[in-house]
Every structure is written in C-alpha cells, then in structure tokens.
Amino acid sequence: MSTEQLLLEKWRSLPLDKQQEVLDFVEFLEFRQTSTTRQPVESTSKSKLGEHLRKIREEIIASGTPMLNWSGIEREKAERRGGYQQEAE
C-alpha cells in the first residue's frame, strides 16, 4: 500500500471534525511552505491602522500560530454569531 493510500484510508476512518482538522493542518503546511519562499511585500498602506494591523499579522506569523483559512474564518464567524453547526455530507 502506498503512503498516499495509507493516508487516505486513515483519514477516511476519522470523524468529520477530525477530517477537517487534518485538512486545516495540510493547508497550514502549504501556507508555511509558500510563506518561507515569498519575498516580503512592500507596505502600501500609509494609515496608522494599516501599519498596526500589518504588524499584528507579522507577529502572529512569527509566533508559528496558523492563520485561519476561509473555512476557518467562516466557522469562527458562525460560532461568534450563535453557534457553528457541522455541515452534513
């Protein structure tokens, strides 16, 4: 059995919430890989708020905390607005 097949088999045996955690982790690994190869973007914002938000983002990245992907943002938004319900598949 190939590594890919073994990984897929183990992933399928997990509960849906754990499958999502695996997907989030893979997206984090992809982000970390691409973020180390990209050059820093020049600051285009001249506002104090823009600079402050950029600094917070850089601190989060430097800490190693994974940034939220779109599904994570939507999930957190739903939780804050009254509860997140797992989508049925």
N, C-alpha and C. Protein backbone atom coordinates (compact mmCIF):
# COMPACT_ATOMS: atom_id res chain seq x y z
N MET A 1 0.85 -1.17 0.00
CA MET A 1 0.00 0.00 0.00
C MET A 1 0.89 1.24 0.00
N SER A 2 0.60 2.19 -0.88
CA SER A 2 1.41 3.40 -0.97
C SER A 2 1.11 4.33 0.21
N THR A 3 1.99 5.26 0.43
CA THR A 3 1.80 6.23 1.51
C THR A 3 0.51 7.02 1.29
N GLU A 4 0.25 7.39 0.05
CA GLU A 4 -0.97 8.14 -0.27
C GLU A 4 -2.22 7.33 0.08
N GLN A 5 -2.23 6.05 -0.29
CA GLN A 5 -3.38 5.20 0.01
C GLN A 5 -3.55 5.02 1.51
N LEU A 6 -2.43 4.83 2.22
CA LEU A 6 -2.48 4.66 3.66
C LEU A 6 -3.03 5.91 4.34
N LEU A 7 -2.56 7.07 3.92
CA LEU A 7 -3.03 8.33 4.47
C LEU A 7 -4.53 8.50 4.22
N LEU A 8 -4.96 8.25 3.01
CA LEU A 8 -6.37 8.39 2.67
C LEU A 8 -7.24 7.42 3.49
N GLU A 9 -6.77 6.20 3.66
CA GLU A 9 -7.52 5.22 4.44
C GLU A 9 -7.66 5.67 5.90
N LYS A 10 -6.58 6.15 6.47
CA LYS A 10 -6.63 6.62 7.86
C LYS A 10 -7.51 7.85 7.99
N TRP A 11 -7.43 8.77 7.01
CA TRP A 11 -8.24 9.98 7.03
C TRP A 11 -9.73 9.63 6.98
N ARG A 12 -10.09 8.68 6.12
CA ARG A 12 -11.50 8.28 5.98
C ARG A 12 -12.05 7.65 7.25
N SER A 13 -11.18 7.07 8.07
CA SER A 13 -11.64 6.42 9.30
C SER A 13 -11.89 7.42 10.43
N LEU A 14 -11.48 8.66 10.24
CA LEU A 14 -11.66 9.68 11.28
C LEU A 14 -13.06 10.27 11.26
N PRO A 15 -13.52 10.80 12.42
CA PRO A 15 -14.79 11.53 12.43
C PRO A 15 -14.66 12.81 11.59
N LEU A 16 -15.78 13.37 11.15
CA LEU A 16 -15.76 14.54 10.26
C LEU A 16 -14.98 15.71 10.84
N ASP A 17 -15.12 15.97 12.15
CA ASP A 17 -14.41 17.11 12.73
C ASP A 17 -12.89 16.89 12.68
N LYS A 18 -12.46 15.67 12.86
CA LYS A 18 -11.02 15.36 12.79
C LYS A 18 -10.53 15.40 11.34
N GLN A 19 -11.37 15.00 10.40
CA GLN A 19 -11.00 15.12 8.98
C GLN A 19 -10.75 16.59 8.64
N GLN A 20 -11.61 17.50 9.16
CA GLN A 20 -11.44 18.92 8.90
C GLN A 20 -10.15 19.42 9.53
N GLU A 21 -9.80 18.94 10.71
CA GLU A 21 -8.54 19.33 11.35
C GLU A 21 -7.36 18.92 10.49
N VAL A 22 -7.42 17.73 9.90
CA VAL A 22 -6.34 17.27 9.02
C VAL A 22 -6.23 18.20 7.82
N LEU A 23 -7.36 18.55 7.21
CA LEU A 23 -7.35 19.46 6.06
C LEU A 23 -6.78 20.82 6.44
N ASP A 24 -7.19 21.33 7.60
CA ASP A 24 -6.66 22.61 8.07
C ASP A 24 -5.15 22.54 8.26
N PHE A 25 -4.68 21.42 8.81
CA PHE A 25 -3.24 21.26 9.03
C PHE A 25 -2.48 21.22 7.71
N VAL A 26 -3.02 20.51 6.72
CA VAL A 26 -2.37 20.45 5.41
C VAL A 26 -2.31 21.84 4.78
N GLU A 27 -3.39 22.61 4.91
CA GLU A 27 -3.39 23.98 4.39
C GLU A 27 -2.36 24.83 5.11
N PHE A 28 -2.21 24.62 6.42
CA PHE A 28 -1.18 25.33 7.18
C PHE A 28 0.21 24.98 6.67
N LEU A 29 0.46 23.70 6.43
CA LEU A 29 1.76 23.28 5.92
C LEU A 29 2.05 23.91 4.55
N GLU A 30 1.02 23.95 3.69
CA GLU A 30 1.18 24.59 2.39
C GLU A 30 1.49 26.06 2.54
N PHE A 31 0.76 26.73 3.43
CA PHE A 31 0.99 28.15 3.67
C PHE A 31 2.39 28.40 4.19
N ARG A 32 2.81 27.59 5.15
CA ARG A 32 4.15 27.77 5.73
C ARG A 32 5.23 27.57 4.67
N GLN A 33 5.02 26.59 3.80
CA GLN A 33 6.00 26.33 2.74
C GLN A 33 6.08 27.51 1.77
N THR A 34 4.94 28.05 1.36
CA THR A 34 4.95 29.17 0.41
C THR A 34 5.37 30.47 1.07
N SER A 35 5.06 30.64 2.36
CA SER A 35 5.42 31.89 3.02
C SER A 35 6.93 32.01 3.24
N THR A 36 7.63 30.88 3.32
CA THR A 36 9.08 30.96 3.50
C THR A 36 9.79 31.23 2.18
N THR A 37 9.11 30.98 1.06
CA THR A 37 9.75 31.21 -0.23
C THR A 37 9.40 32.55 -0.84
N ARG A 38 8.37 33.23 -0.29
CA ARG A 38 7.96 34.52 -0.83
C ARG A 38 8.79 35.64 -0.22
N GLN A 39 8.97 36.69 -0.99
CA GLN A 39 9.65 37.87 -0.50
C GLN A 39 8.64 38.74 0.25
N PRO A 40 9.10 39.49 1.25
CA PRO A 40 8.17 40.37 1.96
C PRO A 40 7.55 41.40 1.02
N VAL A 41 6.28 41.66 1.24
CA VAL A 41 5.57 42.62 0.41
C VAL A 41 5.82 44.02 0.96
N GLU A 42 6.07 44.94 0.08
CA GLU A 42 6.26 46.32 0.50
C GLU A 42 4.96 46.87 1.05
N SER A 43 5.05 47.63 2.10
CA SER A 43 3.86 48.22 2.70
C SER A 43 3.30 49.29 1.77
N THR A 44 2.03 49.14 1.42
CA THR A 44 1.39 50.13 0.55
C THR A 44 0.45 51.01 1.35
N SER A 45 0.14 50.62 2.57
CA SER A 45 -0.78 51.39 3.39
C SER A 45 -0.02 52.48 4.12
N LYS A 46 -0.55 53.68 4.06
CA LYS A 46 0.09 54.80 4.75
C LYS A 46 -0.63 55.12 6.06
N SER A 47 -1.78 54.47 6.31
CA SER A 47 -2.53 54.78 7.52
C SER A 47 -1.91 54.08 8.73
N LYS A 48 -2.12 54.66 9.88
CA LYS A 48 -1.61 54.08 11.12
C LYS A 48 -2.29 52.75 11.41
N LEU A 49 -3.60 52.68 11.12
CA LEU A 49 -4.33 51.44 11.35
C LEU A 49 -3.79 50.32 10.47
N GLY A 50 -3.55 50.61 9.19
CA GLY A 50 -3.00 49.61 8.28
C GLY A 50 -1.66 49.09 8.75
N GLU A 51 -0.79 50.00 9.18
CA GLU A 51 0.52 49.59 9.69
C GLU A 51 0.38 48.76 10.96
N HIS A 52 -0.54 49.15 11.84
CA HIS A 52 -0.75 48.41 13.08
C HIS A 52 -1.25 46.99 12.79
N LEU A 53 -2.22 46.86 11.89
CA LEU A 53 -2.75 45.54 11.54
C LEU A 53 -1.68 44.67 10.88
N ARG A 54 -0.84 45.27 10.04
CA ARG A 54 0.24 44.53 9.40
C ARG A 54 1.24 44.03 10.44
N LYS A 55 1.51 44.86 11.44
CA LYS A 55 2.44 44.46 12.49
C LYS A 55 1.87 43.29 13.30
N ILE A 56 0.57 43.34 13.62
CA ILE A 56 -0.07 42.24 14.35
C ILE A 56 0.01 40.95 13.54
N ARG A 57 -0.24 41.04 12.24
CA ARG A 57 -0.18 39.86 11.37
C ARG A 57 1.22 39.26 11.36
N GLU A 58 2.23 40.12 11.25
CA GLU A 58 3.62 39.64 11.26
C GLU A 58 3.96 38.94 12.57
N GLU A 59 3.46 39.47 13.70
CA GLU A 59 3.71 38.85 14.99
C GLU A 59 3.06 37.47 15.07
N ILE A 60 1.85 37.35 14.53
CA ILE A 60 1.15 36.05 14.55
C ILE A 60 1.93 35.04 13.71
N ILE A 61 2.36 35.45 12.53
CA ILE A 61 3.13 34.55 11.66
C ILE A 61 4.43 34.14 12.34
N ALA A 62 5.12 35.09 12.95
CA ALA A 62 6.39 34.79 13.61
C ALA A 62 6.20 33.84 14.80
N SER A 63 5.03 33.88 15.43
CA SER A 63 4.79 33.01 16.59
C SER A 63 4.55 31.56 16.18
N GLY A 64 4.27 31.34 14.89
CA GLY A 64 4.01 29.98 14.43
C GLY A 64 2.55 29.58 14.51
N THR A 65 1.71 30.49 14.99
CA THR A 65 0.28 30.22 15.06
C THR A 65 -0.28 30.19 13.64
N PRO A 66 -1.00 29.13 13.27
CA PRO A 66 -1.52 29.08 11.89
C PRO A 66 -2.59 30.14 11.67
N MET A 67 -2.53 30.76 10.50
CA MET A 67 -3.53 31.74 10.11
C MET A 67 -4.80 30.97 9.71
N LEU A 68 -5.94 31.59 9.90
CA LEU A 68 -7.20 30.95 9.50
C LEU A 68 -7.34 30.96 7.99
N ASN A 69 -7.85 29.87 7.44
CA ASN A 69 -8.22 29.85 6.02
C ASN A 69 -9.68 30.31 5.94
N TRP A 70 -10.24 30.36 4.72
CA TRP A 70 -11.59 30.87 4.57
C TRP A 70 -12.60 30.04 5.34
N SER A 71 -12.45 28.72 5.33
CA SER A 71 -13.42 27.90 6.06
C SER A 71 -13.28 28.12 7.57
N GLY A 72 -12.07 28.33 8.04
CA GLY A 72 -11.86 28.62 9.45
C GLY A 72 -12.45 29.97 9.85
N ILE A 73 -12.34 30.95 8.97
CA ILE A 73 -12.92 32.26 9.22
C ILE A 73 -14.44 32.15 9.30
N GLU A 74 -15.03 31.44 8.34
CA GLU A 74 -16.47 31.27 8.34
C GLU A 74 -16.94 30.53 9.58
N ARG A 75 -16.21 29.50 9.99
CA ARG A 75 -16.57 28.73 11.18
C ARG A 75 -16.50 29.62 12.43
N GLU A 76 -15.41 30.41 12.56
CA GLU A 76 -15.28 31.28 13.73
C GLU A 76 -16.38 32.35 13.74
N LYS A 77 -16.68 32.90 12.58
CA LYS A 77 -17.74 33.90 12.48
C LYS A 77 -19.08 33.30 12.93
N ALA A 78 -19.37 32.09 12.46
CA ALA A 78 -20.63 31.42 12.83
C ALA A 78 -20.67 31.15 14.34
N GLU A 79 -19.55 30.73 14.91
CA GLU A 79 -19.50 30.45 16.34
C GLU A 79 -19.78 31.71 17.15
N ARG A 80 -19.23 32.83 16.70
CA ARG A 80 -19.43 34.08 17.41
C ARG A 80 -20.84 34.63 17.25
N ARG A 81 -21.53 34.22 16.20
CA ARG A 81 -22.87 34.72 15.93
C ARG A 81 -23.97 33.77 16.41
N GLY A 82 -23.61 32.82 17.22
CA GLY A 82 -24.67 31.99 17.77
C GLY A 82 -24.49 30.50 17.58
N GLY A 83 -23.36 30.10 17.11
CA GLY A 83 -23.11 28.67 17.06
C GLY A 83 -22.84 28.14 15.69
N TYR A 84 -21.87 27.28 15.65
CA TYR A 84 -21.45 26.61 14.43
C TYR A 84 -22.08 25.24 14.40
N GLN A 85 -22.68 24.89 13.27
CA GLN A 85 -23.24 23.56 13.11
C GLN A 85 -22.49 22.86 12.00
N GLN A 86 -22.02 21.65 12.28
CA GLN A 86 -21.28 20.86 11.30
C GLN A 86 -22.17 20.61 10.09
N GLU A 87 -21.62 20.87 8.90
CA GLU A 87 -22.38 20.62 7.68
C GLU A 87 -22.48 19.12 7.44
N ALA A 88 -23.66 18.67 7.05
CA ALA A 88 -23.85 17.25 6.74
C ALA A 88 -23.29 16.96 5.36
N GLU A 89 -22.61 15.85 5.24
CA GLU A 89 -22.03 15.48 3.94
C GLU A 89 -22.64 14.22 3.44
